[in-house]
Each structure stands twice: as C-alpha cells, then as structure tokens.
C-alpha cells in the first residue's frame, strides 16, 4: 500500500483523480490476493458448496461483536464462516441446496450480500470530493496570498 505525505515547498499535491486511481488499483490487487489466499478442498469443489466473501471498507470486522453479528446474520441463510481474511474481509460457504429456501428468508436478508457499509466506489467518490475541495481551498489561499 502506498504511503502518502504532505507536499513539501515547491512540490505539487497529487490530483484527486490519481488518489482515486490508486485506490481502485488497490482493490484489483486485493482481488488477486483473495484468489491466491482462498484454498478449497476436493469435497468443496466437487460437491454441493458455494462461497462468498463479505467485505467492509472500514475494518469493522476487527471488533469481535461486529464479527459475531455478521456470522449470526449470515447463518440465517445457511452461510458458515470459513475464515476471517483480515479486518475487511470474511469468507463464507454454504450448501448450494440451501439456496432453494432463499424465498423463505425475511425480506431484509440478502443471502448473496458481499458488502457491509460503504462500497469501494463510495470511497473513491469521497476521495475525489475531498481532493477537489482541498484543491479549491489551496487555490483560494494562493490567490489570496498573491493579492497581498
């Protein structure tokens, strides 16, 4: 993960779009990492199993209470936690045959949800907006200093 620092005198600040592009690239790297990290047994691949990873962008799964709530919520639709990949990602599996009962689930239960909280796209938008606001503020300060 890149480390960012404040620009020093005479250096230009990174453009907001560049921050968003870097953030998007981190998501692609995360997808590749997940492919490498997830191992499946012969039984899981040849039999009646499906898998998903539930993601959060704010490291909320480091809190054991939140993690337990996620496991409880997912178990309603038959999902079993396989592993916590990190504080942002938890991997689940369930029997494919469980999906035949999905229509009986409460209306607020999405058996195929994979995101909790803000999405990566939301994060990119926030980065762009904050970056644009900072750029406008810096430009305003520069104009003000020039007029002095």
Protein backbone atom coordinates (compact mmCIF):
# COMPACT_ATOMS: atom_id res chain seq x y z
CA UNK A 1 0.00 0.00 0.00
CA UNK A 2 1.48 3.37 -0.98
CA UNK A 3 2.37 5.86 1.71
CA UNK A 4 1.35 9.45 1.09
CA UNK A 5 2.92 12.51 2.62
CA UNK A 6 2.22 16.19 2.51
CA UNK A 7 3.91 18.03 -0.36
CA UNK A 8 6.99 19.98 0.64
CA UNK A 9 7.71 23.54 -0.54
CA UNK A 10 7.77 23.67 -4.31
CA UNK A 11 6.14 20.24 -4.78
CA UNK A 12 2.69 19.78 -6.31
CA UNK A 13 -0.06 17.92 -4.47
CA UNK A 14 -1.35 14.76 -6.16
CA UNK A 15 -4.50 15.22 -8.19
CA UNK A 16 -7.71 13.78 -6.65
CA UNK A 17 -8.22 11.53 -9.68
CA UNK A 18 -4.80 9.99 -9.08
CA UNK A 19 -5.75 9.17 -5.49
CA UNK A 20 -8.93 7.52 -6.75
CA UNK A 21 -6.99 5.54 -9.37
CA UNK A 22 -4.55 4.31 -6.74
CA UNK A 23 -7.46 3.30 -4.51
CA UNK A 24 -9.09 1.43 -7.41
CA UNK A 25 -5.78 -0.35 -8.16
CA UNK A 26 -5.58 -1.46 -4.52
CA UNK A 27 -8.99 -3.11 -4.99
CA UNK A 28 -7.71 -5.03 -8.01
CA UNK A 29 -4.66 -6.14 -6.06
CA UNK A 30 -6.95 -7.23 -3.23
CA UNK A 31 -8.98 -9.36 -5.67
CA UNK A 32 -5.80 -11.06 -6.88
CA UNK A 33 -4.70 -11.63 -3.28
CA UNK A 34 -8.07 -13.24 -2.47
CA UNK A 35 -7.69 -15.63 -5.39
CA UNK A 36 -4.30 -16.69 -4.07
CA UNK A 37 -5.43 -16.92 -0.41
CA UNK A 38 -8.59 -18.97 -0.86
CA UNK A 39 -7.97 -22.70 -0.91
CA UNK A 40 -10.75 -25.20 -1.49
CA UNK A 41 -10.85 -28.89 -0.69
CA UNK A 42 -11.76 -31.50 -3.30
CA UNK A 43 -15.03 -32.06 -1.39
CA UNK A 44 -15.89 -28.37 -1.55
CA UNK A 45 -15.20 -28.14 -5.27
CA UNK A 46 -16.87 -31.39 -6.32
CA UNK A 47 -19.89 -31.28 -4.07
CA UNK A 48 -22.74 -29.03 -3.12
CA UNK A 49 -20.89 -25.86 -1.92
CA UNK A 50 -20.93 -22.19 -2.84
CA UNK A 51 -18.68 -19.46 -1.46
CA UNK A 52 -18.65 -15.73 -0.91
CA UNK A 53 -16.53 -13.04 0.70
CA UNK A 54 -18.24 -10.29 2.66
CA UNK A 55 -16.29 -7.03 2.55
CA UNK A 56 -16.22 -3.79 4.53
CA UNK A 57 -14.11 -0.73 3.71
CA UNK A 58 -13.71 0.43 7.30
CA UNK A 59 -12.07 -2.53 9.12
CA UNK A 60 -15.22 -3.14 11.14
CA UNK A 61 -14.56 -6.88 11.42
CA UNK A 62 -11.73 -6.27 13.91
CA UNK A 63 -14.49 -5.79 16.51
CA UNK A 64 -15.45 -9.29 17.80
CA UNK A 65 -19.03 -8.15 18.46
CA UNK A 66 -19.45 -6.96 14.86
CA UNK A 67 -17.85 -10.16 13.53
CA UNK A 68 -20.18 -12.30 15.64
CA UNK A 69 -23.18 -10.28 14.40
CA UNK A 70 -22.06 -10.85 10.81
CA UNK A 71 -21.75 -14.59 11.43
CA UNK A 72 -25.20 -14.67 13.06
CA UNK A 73 -26.75 -12.69 10.19
CA UNK A 74 -25.17 -14.89 7.52
CA UNK A 75 -26.18 -18.10 9.31
CA UNK A 76 -29.84 -17.18 8.77
CA UNK A 77 -29.32 -18.01 5.09
CA UNK A 78 -27.18 -21.06 5.88
CA UNK A 79 -23.73 -19.47 5.48
CA UNK A 80 -20.88 -20.77 7.65
CA UNK A 81 -17.77 -18.69 8.29
CA UNK A 82 -14.66 -20.31 6.83
CA UNK A 83 -12.10 -17.69 7.77
CA UNK A 84 -11.51 -14.06 8.53
CA UNK A 85 -9.10 -12.96 5.82
CA UNK A 86 -8.44 -9.62 7.53
CA UNK A 87 -10.39 -6.84 9.26
CA UNK A 88 -12.15 -6.02 5.96
CA UNK A 89 -12.97 -9.47 4.56
CA UNK A 90 -14.64 -12.64 5.84
CA UNK A 91 -15.11 -15.78 3.75
CA UNK A 92 -18.24 -17.96 3.99
CA UNK A 93 -19.57 -21.16 2.46
CA UNK A 94 -22.95 -22.85 2.32
CA UNK A 95 -24.57 -25.81 0.62
CA UNK A 96 -25.99 -24.84 -2.76
CA UNK A 97 -29.15 -26.72 -1.78
CA UNK A 98 -29.71 -24.04 0.91
CA UNK A 99 -30.49 -21.56 -1.86
CA UNK A 100 -33.74 -23.41 -2.58
CA UNK A 101 -35.08 -21.95 0.69
CA UNK A 102 -33.96 -18.37 0.00
CA UNK A 103 -37.51 -17.33 -0.85
CA UNK A 104 -38.49 -18.12 2.76
CA UNK A 105 -35.95 -15.71 4.22
CA UNK A 106 -37.09 -12.43 5.80
CA UNK A 107 -37.27 -9.62 3.24
CA UNK A 108 -34.33 -7.79 4.83
CA UNK A 109 -31.97 -10.78 4.39
CA UNK A 110 -29.92 -10.85 1.19
CA UNK A 111 -28.29 -14.28 1.03
CA UNK A 112 -25.80 -13.05 -1.58
CA UNK A 113 -24.71 -9.79 0.02
CA UNK A 114 -21.00 -9.23 -0.22
CA UNK A 115 -20.67 -5.67 1.10
CA UNK A 116 -21.24 -4.14 4.53
CA UNK A 117 -21.20 -0.35 4.82
CA UNK A 118 -19.72 1.90 2.15
CA UNK A 119 -18.57 0.36 -1.11
CA UNK A 120 -15.17 0.90 -2.70
CA UNK A 121 -16.92 3.09 -5.29
CA UNK A 122 -18.30 5.25 -2.48
CA UNK A 123 -14.77 5.55 -1.08
CA UNK A 124 -13.47 6.69 -4.49
CA UNK A 125 -16.18 9.36 -4.68
CA UNK A 126 -15.30 10.61 -1.21
CA UNK A 127 -11.61 10.78 -2.16
CA UNK A 128 -12.45 12.75 -5.32
CA UNK A 129 -14.72 15.21 -3.50
CA UNK A 130 -12.30 15.78 -0.61
CA UNK A 131 -9.42 16.16 -3.06
CA UNK A 132 -11.36 18.68 -5.14
CA UNK A 133 -12.30 20.69 -2.03
CA UNK A 134 -8.67 20.74 -0.88
CA UNK A 135 -7.53 21.82 -4.35
CA UNK A 136 -10.06 24.67 -4.42
CA UNK A 137 -9.07 25.77 -0.92
CA UNK A 138 -5.37 25.72 -1.81
CA UNK A 139 -6.04 27.69 -4.99
CA UNK A 140 -8.04 30.23 -2.98
CA UNK A 141 -5.24 30.60 -0.45
CA UNK A 142 -2.70 31.03 -3.25
CA UNK A 143 -4.81 33.75 -4.89
CA UNK A 144 -5.28 35.48 -1.53
CA UNK A 145 -1.52 35.44 -0.87
CA UNK A 146 -0.81 36.80 -4.36
CA UNK A 147 -3.18 39.71 -3.78
CA UNK A 148 -1.46 40.72 -0.53
